[in-house]
Amino acid sequence: MEASGALFKTISNLKATAMLELFIELTNQIFWEGYAQQLAQEQPALYQYELAEFIQTITLRLWMIQFFYWSR
């Protein structure tokens, strides 16, 4: 049981890292290179809010895709 818990934690960490990298890449494309890093330094609360909104939106969309795919 411990091994599966460790695997879940590892997968969760990989997902979080991937989401962060996607967020940074997207903001670089929308705004300018280094936008996310600058926002994190200058306005950490806004950065956390924007990142949380991004993750929530992506997670919801992925869930919807899976739901509609499996409900066919």
Protein backbone atom coordinates (compact mmCIF):
# COMPACT_ATOMS: atom_id res chain seq x y z
CA MET A 1 0.00 0.00 0.00
CA GLU A 2 2.91 2.36 0.73
CA ALA A 3 4.29 1.89 -2.77
CA SER A 4 1.01 2.93 -4.37
CA GLY A 5 0.90 6.00 -2.12
CA ALA A 6 4.42 6.94 -3.16
CA LEU A 7 3.53 6.39 -6.82
CA PHE A 8 0.43 8.60 -6.48
CA LYS A 9 2.53 11.32 -4.85
CA THR A 10 5.12 11.08 -7.63
CA ILE A 11 2.43 11.30 -10.31
CA SER A 12 0.81 14.24 -8.51
CA ASN A 13 4.15 16.05 -8.37
CA LEU A 14 4.75 15.41 -12.07
CA LYS A 15 1.29 16.76 -12.91
CA ALA A 16 1.90 19.88 -10.81
CA THR A 17 5.25 20.45 -12.50
CA ALA A 18 3.72 19.97 -15.95
CA MET A 19 0.88 22.38 -15.16
CA LEU A 20 3.35 25.00 -13.91
CA GLU A 21 5.44 24.64 -17.07
CA LEU A 22 2.31 24.97 -19.22
CA PHE A 23 1.23 28.07 -17.30
CA ILE A 24 4.63 29.70 -17.76
CA GLU A 25 4.74 28.83 -21.46
CA LEU A 26 1.22 30.12 -22.06
CA THR A 27 1.84 33.42 -20.27
CA ASN A 28 5.11 33.83 -22.18
CA GLN A 29 3.17 33.46 -25.43
CA ILE A 30 0.28 35.72 -24.41
CA PHE A 31 2.27 38.47 -22.72
CA TRP A 32 6.06 38.42 -22.89
CA GLU A 33 8.96 36.15 -22.06
CA GLY A 34 9.38 36.06 -18.29
CA TYR A 35 5.91 37.40 -17.46
CA ALA A 36 5.07 34.64 -14.97
CA GLN A 37 8.41 34.99 -13.17
CA GLN A 38 8.01 38.77 -12.98
CA LEU A 39 4.45 38.46 -11.72
CA ALA A 40 5.53 35.91 -9.08
CA GLN A 41 8.16 38.32 -7.77
CA GLU A 42 6.19 41.56 -7.95
CA GLN A 43 2.67 40.35 -7.09
CA PRO A 44 2.84 36.88 -5.51
CA ALA A 45 -0.85 36.81 -4.53
CA LEU A 46 -1.97 37.60 -8.08
CA TYR A 47 0.45 35.01 -9.44
CA GLN A 48 -1.00 32.34 -7.12
CA TYR A 49 -4.52 33.34 -8.13
CA GLU A 50 -3.77 33.21 -11.86
CA LEU A 51 -1.98 29.88 -11.55
CA ALA A 52 -4.86 28.38 -9.52
CA GLU A 53 -7.40 29.63 -12.07
CA PHE A 54 -5.33 28.14 -14.90
CA ILE A 55 -5.05 24.76 -13.18
CA GLN A 56 -8.75 24.71 -12.31
CA THR A 57 -9.76 25.56 -15.88
CA ILE A 58 -7.48 22.98 -17.46
CA THR A 59 -8.51 20.30 -14.97
CA LEU A 60 -12.20 20.95 -15.60
CA ARG A 61 -11.74 20.83 -19.36
CA LEU A 62 -9.79 17.56 -19.15
CA TRP A 63 -12.48 16.08 -16.93
CA MET A 64 -15.17 17.15 -19.43
CA ILE A 65 -13.26 15.59 -22.32
CA GLN A 66 -12.91 12.32 -20.43
CA PHE A 67 -16.56 12.35 -19.40
CA PHE A 68 -17.84 12.90 -22.93
CA TYR A 69 -15.43 10.37 -24.38
CA TRP A 70 -16.43 7.61 -21.94
CA SER A 71 -20.15 8.41 -22.05
CA ARG A 72 -20.45 7.56 -25.75
